[in-house]
Amino acid sequence: MSLHTPKEIAAIAVQSGVAKSHTPISAILILGFMAGSFISFGFLLYIHIVYQLPPEWGSFSLLLGAAVFPVGIILTVLCGGELLTGNMMLLPMAWFSRQIQLKHVLQNWFWVTLANFLGSITVAWLFGHMLGMTEGVFLKKTLAIANAKVNADFLQAFISGIGCNWLVCLATWLAYSSKDVVGKILGMWFPIMAFVAIGFQHVVANMFVVPAAIFAGYLSWGEYLPNFVAVFLGNTVGGAVFVGLAYYLAYRPRPEESALSR
């Protein structure tokens, strides 16, 4: 078969979580920087596509923008990257399976968060600010997106974060289901497009668009912090609970299966 079954995917996810827990910090910083940059490139492309489409196209232009955003996670998965939102599913699944300790989960999340942030603000500064790709004629769209993020109240941002990473982790899950490149791309494409079109909040994507508005002089880091916390927590619940825990409980080995394997 060219596909892994859901039960096989669960085992692959656990193994991936264990492997990520052993990744050296130096590699995490490099791969996390790359992933943050990739997601930012996807968001930058979204802004440029939506800006250039006629206003009368309305929500259809947003759908087209959402259709190009998945390039970020495709690059992350196929080229190699450490993305916080995916690790919010994979590391907990390894922990639920008692193959790693909670401290390994938290350590990985800390370093990946830092690296994703550095990659995101690098793209926001170099290309968004220095080259004006989120400013000038694009500033209105950048500010509209960033203001919508930071002006959501804590509970709204938290719940939005749950929905986002539920879909993002399902995209990762589908990527693991396929054994070929085309299948992985198609599997990831639609859940990512869905979360963007719906308007859910992604903690790493926000690391790009909100700092882009800050660099343009229209928002502050103090305004960004509550949003970061709320979306981080929501993404954690979406990935670790709604995908990781759900599929761990559904597909963990039963006692009789463990006995047969011995």
C-alpha atoms as a PDB file:
ATOM      1  CA  MET A   1       0.000   0.000   0.000  1.00  0.00           C
ATOM      2  CA  SER A   2       1.111   3.576  -0.671  1.00  0.00           C
ATOM      3  CA  LEU A   3      -0.528   4.692   2.566  1.00  0.00           C
ATOM      4  CA  HIS A   4       0.031   4.009   6.232  1.00  0.00           C
ATOM      5  CA  THR A   5      -3.053   3.127   8.250  1.00  0.00           C
ATOM      6  CA  PRO A   6      -4.093   5.486  11.092  1.00  0.00           C
ATOM      7  CA  LYS A   7      -2.748   2.976  13.610  1.00  0.00           C
ATOM      8  CA  GLU A   8       0.598   2.885  11.801  1.00  0.00           C
ATOM      9  CA  ILE A   9       0.641   6.689  11.714  1.00  0.00           C
ATOM     10  CA  ALA A  10       0.174   6.771  15.485  1.00  0.00           C
ATOM     11  CA  ALA A  11       3.239   4.550  15.928  1.00  0.00           C
ATOM     12  CA  ILE A  12       5.242   6.709  13.492  1.00  0.00           C
ATOM     13  CA  ALA A  13       4.191   9.846  15.381  1.00  0.00           C
ATOM     14  CA  VAL A  14       5.370   8.395  18.685  1.00  0.00           C
ATOM     15  CA  GLN A  15       8.711   7.397  17.146  1.00  0.00           C
ATOM     16  CA  SER A  16       9.073  10.875  15.662  1.00  0.00           C
ATOM     17  CA  GLY A  17       8.376  12.450  19.052  1.00  0.00           C
ATOM     18  CA  VAL A  18      11.051  10.286  20.665  1.00  0.00           C
ATOM     19  CA  ALA A  19      13.549  11.194  17.935  1.00  0.00           C
ATOM     20  CA  LYS A  20      12.807  14.912  18.304  1.00  0.00           C
ATOM     21  CA  SER A  21      13.371  14.698  22.056  1.00  0.00           C
ATOM     22  CA  HIS A  22      16.949  13.576  21.339  1.00  0.00           C
ATOM     23  CA  THR A  23      17.724  16.264  18.761  1.00  0.00           C
ATOM     24  CA  PRO A  24      20.735  18.392  19.826  1.00  0.00           C
ATOM     25  CA  ILE A  25      19.942  21.988  20.747  1.00  0.00           C
ATOM     26  CA  SER A  26      22.229  23.264  17.970  1.00  0.00           C
ATOM     27  CA  ALA A  27      20.208  21.328  15.378  1.00  0.00           C
ATOM     28  CA  ILE A  28      16.906  22.460  16.920  1.00  0.00           C
ATOM     29  CA  LEU A  29      17.982  26.096  16.624  1.00  0.00           C
ATOM     30  CA  ILE A  30      18.919  25.688  12.958  1.00  0.00           C
ATOM     31  CA  LEU A  31      15.862  23.653  11.975  1.00  0.00           C
ATOM     32  CA  GLY A  32      13.546  25.802  14.087  1.00  0.00           C
ATOM     33  CA  PHE A  33      14.901  28.964  12.465  1.00  0.00           C
ATOM     34  CA  MET A  34      14.251  27.431   9.055  1.00  0.00           C
ATOM     35  CA  ALA A  35      10.688  26.415   9.961  1.00  0.00           C
ATOM     36  CA  GLY A  36       9.857  29.867  11.313  1.00  0.00           C
ATOM     37  CA  SER A  37      11.217  31.389   8.113  1.00  0.00           C
ATOM     38  CA  PHE A  38       9.255  28.965   5.916  1.00  0.00           C
ATOM     39  CA  ILE A  39       5.946  29.743   7.644  1.00  0.00           C
ATOM     40  CA  SER A  40       6.724  33.462   7.314  1.00  0.00           C
ATOM     41  CA  PHE A  41       7.377  33.096   3.576  1.00  0.00           C
ATOM     42  CA  GLY A  42       3.979  31.437   3.266  1.00  0.00           C
ATOM     43  CA  PHE A  43       2.334  34.334   5.109  1.00  0.00           C
ATOM     44  CA  LEU A  44       4.228  36.883   3.018  1.00  0.00           C
ATOM     45  CA  LEU A  45       2.973  35.171  -0.130  1.00  0.00           C
ATOM     46  CA  TYR A  46      -0.575  35.226   1.266  1.00  0.00           C
ATOM     47  CA  ILE A  47      -0.395  38.994   1.840  1.00  0.00           C
ATOM     48  CA  HIS A  48       0.914  39.653  -1.665  1.00  0.00           C
ATOM     49  CA  ILE A  49      -1.667  37.447  -3.360  1.00  0.00           C
ATOM     50  CA  VAL A  50      -4.624  38.916  -1.452  1.00  0.00           C
ATOM     51  CA  TYR A  51      -3.424  42.495  -1.995  1.00  0.00           C
ATOM     52  CA  GLN A  52      -3.166  42.112  -5.765  1.00  0.00           C
ATOM     53  CA  LEU A  53      -6.651  40.659  -6.290  1.00  0.00           C
ATOM     54  CA  PRO A  54      -9.634  42.932  -7.069  1.00  0.00           C
ATOM     55  CA  PRO A  55     -11.595  44.013  -3.953  1.00  0.00           C
ATOM     56  CA  GLU A  56     -14.863  42.916  -5.560  1.00  0.00           C
ATOM     57  CA  TRP A  57     -13.661  39.332  -5.443  1.00  0.00           C
ATOM     58  CA  GLY A  58     -14.345  39.457  -1.694  1.00  0.00           C
ATOM     59  CA  SER A  59     -13.960  36.166   0.164  1.00  0.00           C
ATOM     60  CA  PHE A  60     -12.770  34.410  -2.999  1.00  0.00           C
ATOM     61  CA  SER A  61      -9.521  36.376  -2.814  1.00  0.00           C
ATOM     62  CA  LEU A  62      -9.056  35.165   0.765  1.00  0.00           C
ATOM     63  CA  LEU A  63      -9.569  31.608  -0.414  1.00  0.00           C
ATOM     64  CA  LEU A  64      -6.879  32.049  -3.064  1.00  0.00           C
ATOM     65  CA  GLY A  65      -4.553  33.513  -0.456  1.00  0.00           C
ATOM     66  CA  ALA A  66      -5.237  30.557   1.823  1.00  0.00           C
ATOM     67  CA  ALA A  67      -4.480  28.223  -1.078  1.00  0.00           C
ATOM     68  CA  VAL A  68      -0.876  29.467  -1.324  1.00  0.00           C
ATOM     69  CA  PHE A  69      -0.139  29.667   2.410  1.00  0.00           C
ATOM     70  CA  PRO A  70       0.565  25.888   2.754  1.00  0.00           C
ATOM     71  CA  VAL A  71       3.930  26.349   1.013  1.00  0.00           C
ATOM     72  CA  GLY A  72       5.345  27.107   4.465  1.00  0.00           C
ATOM     73  CA  ILE A  73       4.486  23.786   6.081  1.00  0.00           C
ATOM     74  CA  ILE A  74       5.295  21.881   2.879  1.00  0.00           C
ATOM     75  CA  LEU A  75       8.825  23.303   2.994  1.00  0.00           C
ATOM     76  CA  THR A  76       9.052  22.535   6.710  1.00  0.00           C
ATOM     77  CA  VAL A  77       8.056  18.893   6.380  1.00  0.00           C
ATOM     78  CA  LEU A  78       9.825  18.041   3.108  1.00  0.00           C
ATOM     79  CA  CYS A  79      12.975  20.177   3.431  1.00  0.00           C
ATOM     80  CA  GLY A  80      13.384  19.653   7.160  1.00  0.00           C
ATOM     81  CA  GLY A  81      12.344  21.904  10.004  1.00  0.00           C
ATOM     82  CA  GLU A  82      11.305  21.981  13.636  1.00  0.00           C
ATOM     83  CA  LEU A  83       7.890  23.632  13.893  1.00  0.00           C
ATOM     84  CA  LEU A  84       6.393  24.274  17.318  1.00  0.00           C
ATOM     85  CA  THR A  85       2.807  23.470  16.380  1.00  0.00           C
ATOM     86  CA  GLY A  86       3.657  20.028  15.010  1.00  0.00           C
ATOM     87  CA  ASN A  87       5.850  19.289  18.008  1.00  0.00           C
ATOM     88  CA  MET A  88       2.865  20.120  20.236  1.00  0.00           C
ATOM     89  CA  MET A  89       1.386  16.832  18.968  1.00  0.00           C
ATOM     90  CA  LEU A  90       4.442  14.643  18.458  1.00  0.00           C
ATOM     91  CA  LEU A  91       6.286  15.157  21.744  1.00  0.00           C
ATOM     92  CA  PRO A  92       3.161  14.660  23.914  1.00  0.00           C
ATOM     93  CA  MET A  93       2.344  11.434  22.062  1.00  0.00           C
ATOM     94  CA  ALA A  94       5.793  10.107  22.951  1.00  0.00           C
ATOM     95  CA  TRP A  95       5.203  11.250  26.551  1.00  0.00           C
ATOM     96  CA  PHE A  96       1.758   9.609  26.708  1.00  0.00           C
ATOM     97  CA  SER A  97       3.474   6.407  25.567  1.00  0.00           C
ATOM     98  CA  ARG A  98       5.941   6.784  28.470  1.00  0.00           C
ATOM     99  CA  GLN A  99       8.917   6.791  26.132  1.00  0.00           C
ATOM    100  CA  ILE A 100      10.114  10.262  27.140  1.00  0.00           C
ATOM    101  CA  GLN A 101       9.733  12.475  30.200  1.00  0.00           C
ATOM    102  CA  LEU A 102       7.704  15.671  30.505  1.00  0.00           C
ATOM    103  CA  LYS A 103      10.919  17.678  30.859  1.00  0.00           C
ATOM    104  CA  HIS A 104      11.939  16.543  27.367  1.00  0.00           C
ATOM    105  CA  VAL A 105       8.663  17.874  25.969  1.00  0.00           C
ATOM    106  CA  LEU A 106       9.070  21.248  27.665  1.00  0.00           C
ATOM    107  CA  GLN A 107      12.747  21.588  26.742  1.00  0.00           C
ATOM    108  CA  ASN A 108      12.009  20.901  23.095  1.00  0.00           C
ATOM    109  CA  TRP A 109       9.117  23.356  23.049  1.00  0.00           C
ATOM    110  CA  PHE A 110      11.257  26.083  24.625  1.00  0.00           C
ATOM    111  CA  TRP A 111      14.095  25.849  22.106  1.00  0.00           C
ATOM    112  CA  VAL A 112      11.778  25.384  19.114  1.00  0.00           C
ATOM    113  CA  THR A 113       9.712  28.402  20.181  1.00  0.00           C
ATOM    114  CA  LEU A 114      12.848  30.517  20.396  1.00  0.00           C
ATOM    115  CA  ALA A 115      14.161  29.314  17.047  1.00  0.00           C
ATOM    116  CA  ASN A 116      10.791  29.742  15.276  1.00  0.00           C
ATOM    117  CA  PHE A 117      10.562  33.284  16.662  1.00  0.00           C
ATOM    118  CA  LEU A 118      14.038  34.165  15.420  1.00  0.00           C
ATOM    119  CA  GLY A 119      13.279  32.819  11.950  1.00  0.00           C
ATOM    120  CA  SER A 120       9.945  34.624  11.790  1.00  0.00           C
ATOM    121  CA  ILE A 121      11.175  38.046  12.875  1.00  0.00           C
ATOM    122  CA  THR A 122      14.178  37.731  10.541  1.00  0.00           C
ATOM    123  CA  VAL A 123      11.834  37.416   7.545  1.00  0.00           C
ATOM    124  CA  ALA A 124       9.585  40.156   8.958  1.00  0.00           C
ATOM    125  CA  TRP A 125      12.566  42.527   9.362  1.00  0.00           C
ATOM    126  CA  LEU A 126      14.602  41.750   6.226  1.00  0.00           C
ATOM    127  CA  PHE A 127      11.851  41.282   3.683  1.00  0.00           C
ATOM    128  CA  GLY A 128       8.832  42.832   5.352  1.00  0.00           C
ATOM    129  CA  HIS A 129      10.486  45.973   6.723  1.00  0.00           C
ATOM    130  CA  MET A 130      13.789  46.495   4.902  1.00  0.00           C
ATOM    131  CA  LEU A 131      12.363  45.656   1.462  1.00  0.00           C
ATOM    132  CA  GLY A 132       8.917  47.010   2.318  1.00  0.00           C
ATOM    133  CA  MET A 133       7.076  43.805   1.445  1.00  0.00           C
ATOM    134  CA  THR A 134       4.690  44.191   4.387  1.00  0.00           C
ATOM    135  CA  GLU A 135       4.709  47.988   4.282  1.00  0.00           C
ATOM    136  CA  GLY A 136       4.052  50.613   1.603  1.00  0.00           C
ATOM    137  CA  VAL A 137       1.159  49.439  -0.554  1.00  0.00           C
ATOM    138  CA  PHE A 138       0.948  46.225   1.511  1.00  0.00           C
ATOM    139  CA  LEU A 139       0.744  47.968   4.895  1.00  0.00           C
ATOM    140  CA  LYS A 140      -3.045  48.209   5.006  1.00  0.00           C
ATOM    141  CA  LYS A 141      -3.421  44.441   4.627  1.00  0.00           C
ATOM    142  CA  THR A 142      -0.608  43.726   7.100  1.00  0.00           C
ATOM    143  CA  LEU A 143      -2.176  45.981   9.734  1.00  0.00           C
ATOM    144  CA  ALA A 144      -5.665  44.588   9.157  1.00  0.00           C
ATOM    145  CA  ILE A 145      -4.408  41.069   9.817  1.00  0.00           C
ATOM    146  CA  ALA A 146      -2.163  41.985  12.758  1.00  0.00           C
ATOM    147  CA  ASN A 147      -4.803  44.139  14.457  1.00  0.00           C
ATOM    148  CA  ALA A 148      -7.381  41.376  14.134  1.00  0.00           C
ATOM    149  CA  LYS A 149      -4.946  39.028  15.887  1.00  0.00           C
ATOM    150  CA  VAL A 150      -4.017  41.238  18.833  1.00  0.00           C
ATOM    151  CA  ASN A 151      -7.500  42.720  19.326  1.00  0.00           C
ATOM    152  CA  ALA A 152      -9.124  39.326  19.861  1.00  0.00           C
ATOM    153  CA  ASP A 153      -9.749  38.828  23.572  1.00  0.00           C
ATOM    154  CA  PHE A 154      -7.833  36.127  25.427  1.00  0.00           C
ATOM    155  CA  LEU A 155     -10.567  33.475  25.288  1.00  0.00           C
ATOM    156  CA  GLN A 156     -11.254  34.086  21.600  1.00  0.00           C
ATOM    157  CA  ALA A 157      -7.558  33.808  20.745  1.00  0.00           C
ATOM    158  CA  PHE A 158      -7.248  30.674  22.887  1.00  0.00           C
ATOM    159  CA  ILE A 159     -10.181  28.908  21.224  1.00  0.00           C
ATOM    160  CA  SER A 160      -9.025  30.040  17.789  1.00  0.00           C
ATOM    161  CA  GLY A 161      -5.619  28.536  18.600  1.00  0.00           C
ATOM    162  CA  ILE A 162      -7.267  25.204  19.397  1.00  0.00           C
ATOM    163  CA  GLY A 163      -8.998  25.097  16.026  1.00  0.00           C
ATOM    164  CA  CYS A 164      -5.834  26.084  14.219  1.00  0.00           C
ATOM    165  CA  ASN A 165      -3.559  23.420  15.603  1.00  0.00           C
ATOM    166  CA  TRP A 166      -6.237  20.764  15.426  1.00  0.00           C
ATOM    167  CA  LEU A 167      -6.115  21.261  11.647  1.00  0.00           C
ATOM    168  CA  VAL A 168      -2.352  21.823  11.434  1.00  0.00           C
ATOM    169  CA  CYS A 169      -1.603  18.601  13.310  1.00  0.00           C
ATOM    170  CA  LEU A 170      -4.080  16.724  11.145  1.00  0.00           C
ATOM    171  CA  ALA A 171      -2.063  18.029   8.185  1.00  0.00           C
ATOM    172  CA  THR A 172       1.072  16.586   9.762  1.00  0.00           C
ATOM    173  CA  TRP A 173      -0.825  13.354  10.449  1.00  0.00           C
ATOM    174  CA  LEU A 174      -1.798  13.119   6.783  1.00  0.00           C
ATOM    175  CA  ALA A 175       1.796  13.795   5.737  1.00  0.00           C
ATOM    176  CA  TYR A 176       2.837  10.746   7.752  1.00  0.00           C
ATOM    177  CA  SER A 177       0.108   8.698   6.061  1.00  0.00           C
ATOM    178  CA  SER A 178       1.676   8.941   2.619  1.00  0.00           C
ATOM    179  CA  LYS A 179       4.835   7.250   1.398  1.00  0.00           C
ATOM    180  CA  ASP A 180       5.392   9.575  -1.593  1.00  0.00           C
ATOM    181  CA  VAL A 181       6.042  13.297  -2.001  1.00  0.00           C
ATOM    182  CA  VAL A 182       2.889  14.118  -3.961  1.00  0.00           C
ATOM    183  CA  GLY A 183       0.710  12.357  -1.422  1.00  0.00           C
ATOM    184  CA  LYS A 184       2.364  14.229   1.447  1.00  0.00           C
ATOM    185  CA  ILE A 185       1.845  17.588  -0.280  1.00  0.00           C
ATOM    186  CA  LEU A 186      -1.826  16.931  -1.041  1.00  0.00           C
ATOM    187  CA  GLY A 187      -2.421  15.590   2.457  1.00  0.00           C
ATOM    188  CA  MET A 188      -1.027  18.738   4.067  1.00  0.00           C
ATOM    189  CA  TRP A 189      -2.486  21.240   1.626  1.00  0.00           C
ATOM    190  CA  PHE A 190      -6.179  21.210   2.458  1.00  0.00           C
ATOM    191  CA  PRO A 191      -6.125  21.262   6.292  1.00  0.00           C
ATOM    192  CA  ILE A 192      -3.645  24.162   6.211  1.00  0.00           C
ATOM    193  CA  MET A 193      -5.697  25.999   3.608  1.00  0.00           C
ATOM    194  CA  ALA A 194      -8.763  25.419   5.788  1.00  0.00           C
ATOM    195  CA  PHE A 195      -7.291  26.946   8.955  1.00  0.00           C
ATOM    196  CA  VAL A 196      -6.116  30.030   7.043  1.00  0.00           C
ATOM    197  CA  ALA A 197      -9.420  30.494   5.198  1.00  0.00           C
ATOM    198  CA  ILE A 198     -11.354  30.140   8.466  1.00  0.00           C
ATOM    199  CA  GLY A 199      -9.078  32.664  10.176  1.00  0.00           C
ATOM    200  CA  PHE A 200      -7.759  30.568  13.066  1.00  0.00           C
ATOM    201  CA  GLN A 201      -4.633  31.774  14.882  1.00  0.00           C
ATOM    202  CA  HIS A 202      -1.260  30.031  14.528  1.00  0.00           C
ATOM    203  CA  VAL A 203       1.389  30.984  17.065  1.00  0.00           C
ATOM    204  CA  VAL A 204       4.305  30.838  14.594  1.00  0.00           C
ATOM    205  CA  ALA A 205       2.441  32.628  11.795  1.00  0.00           C
ATOM    206  CA  ASN A 206       1.642  35.384  14.302  1.00  0.00           C
ATOM    207  CA  MET A 207       5.368  35.615  15.073  1.00  0.00           C
ATOM    208  CA  PHE A 208       5.703  37.008  11.556  1.00  0.00           C
ATOM    209  CA  VAL A 209       2.691  39.231  10.951  1.00  0.00           C
ATOM    210  CA  VAL A 210       2.468  40.955  14.339  1.00  0.00           C
ATOM    211  CA  PRO A 211       6.201  41.858  14.474  1.00  0.00           C
ATOM    212  CA  ALA A 212       5.858  43.073  10.863  1.00  0.00           C
ATOM    213  CA  ALA A 213       3.271  45.565  12.117  1.00  0.00           C
ATOM    214  CA  ILE A 214       5.510  46.419  15.082  1.00  0.00           C
ATOM    215  CA  PHE A 215       8.485  47.099  12.795  1.00  0.00           C
ATOM    216  CA  ALA A 216       6.207  49.390  10.769  1.00  0.00           C
ATOM    217  CA  GLY A 217       5.563  51.362  13.961  1.00  0.00           C
ATOM    218  CA  TYR A 218       1.880  50.549  14.485  1.00  0.00           C
ATOM    219  CA  LEU A 219       1.805  48.004  17.330  1.00  0.00           C
ATOM    220  CA  SER A 220       3.921  47.250  20.411  1.00  0.00           C
ATOM    221  CA  TRP A 221       5.477  44.155  21.932  1.00  0.00           C
ATOM    222  CA  GLY A 222       3.266  44.689  24.980  1.00  0.00           C
ATOM    223  CA  GLU A 223       0.172  44.407  22.788  1.00  0.00           C
ATOM    224  CA  TYR A 224       1.563  41.255  21.221  1.00  0.00           C
ATOM    225  CA  LEU A 225       2.408  39.352  24.433  1.00  0.00           C
ATOM    226  CA  PRO A 226      -1.172  38.478  25.554  1.00  0.00           C
ATOM    227  CA  ASN A 227      -1.937  37.222  22.064  1.00  0.00           C
ATOM    228  CA  PHE A 228       1.216  35.092  22.042  1.00  0.00           C
ATOM    229  CA  VAL A 229       0.305  33.469  25.369  1.00  0.00           C
ATOM    230  CA  ALA A 230      -3.324  32.816  24.429  1.00  0.00           C
ATOM    231  CA  VAL A 231      -2.541  31.363  21.008  1.00  0.00           C
ATOM    232  CA  PHE A 232       0.383  29.322  22.364  1.00  0.00           C
ATOM    233  CA  LEU A 233      -1.906  27.720  24.947  1.00  0.00           C
ATOM    234  CA  GLY A 234      -4.692  27.170  22.411  1.00  0.00           C
ATOM    235  CA  ASN A 235      -2.310  25.589  19.916  1.00  0.00           C
ATOM    236  CA  THR A 236      -1.001  23.358  22.704  1.00  0.00           C
ATOM    237  CA  VAL A 237      -4.487  22.067  23.507  1.00  0.00           C
ATOM    238  CA  GLY A 238      -5.358  21.645  19.830  1.00  0.00           C
ATOM    239  CA  GLY A 239      -2.229  19.634  19.077  1.00  0.00           C
ATOM    240  CA  ALA A 240      -1.607  17.723  22.305  1.00  0.00           C
ATOM    241  CA  VAL A 241      -5.220  16.951  23.264  1.00  0.00           C
ATOM    242  CA  PHE A 242      -7.488  17.077  20.209  1.00  0.00           C
ATOM    243  CA  VAL A 243      -5.029  15.172  18.006  1.00  0.00           C
ATOM    244  CA  GLY A 244      -2.198  13.684  20.081  1.00  0.00           C
ATOM    245  CA  LEU A 245      -4.154  12.389  23.061  1.00  0.00           C
ATOM    246  CA  ALA A 246      -7.192  11.445  20.974  1.00  0.00           C
ATOM    247  CA  TYR A 247      -5.244   9.227  18.607  1.00  0.00           C
ATOM    248  CA  TYR A 248      -3.000   7.868  21.343  1.00  0.00           C
ATOM    249  CA  LEU A 249      -6.052   6.657  23.266  1.00  0.00           C
ATOM    250  CA  ALA A 250      -7.672   5.273  20.115  1.00  0.00           C
ATOM    251  CA  TYR A 251      -4.634   3.419  18.772  1.00  0.00           C
ATOM    252  CA  ARG A 252      -2.421   2.573  21.727  1.00  0.00           C
ATOM    253  CA  PRO A 253      -1.562  -1.150  21.940  1.00  0.00           C
ATOM    254  CA  ARG A 254      -4.152  -3.216  23.796  1.00  0.00           C
ATOM    255  CA  PRO A 255      -2.956  -5.702  26.475  1.00  0.00           C
ATOM    256  CA  GLU A 256      -3.708  -8.663  24.188  1.00  0.00           C
ATOM    257  CA  GLU A 257      -1.728  -7.042  21.343  1.00  0.00           C
ATOM    258  CA  SER A 258       1.247  -6.485  23.640  1.00  0.00           C
ATOM    259  CA  ALA A 259       1.117 -10.135  24.689  1.00  0.00           C
ATOM    260  CA  LEU A 260       1.054 -11.304  21.047  1.00  0.00           C
ATOM    261  CA  SER A 261       4.063  -9.172  20.173  1.00  0.00           C
ATOM    262  CA  ARG A 262       6.231 -10.876  22.786  1.00  0.00           C
END
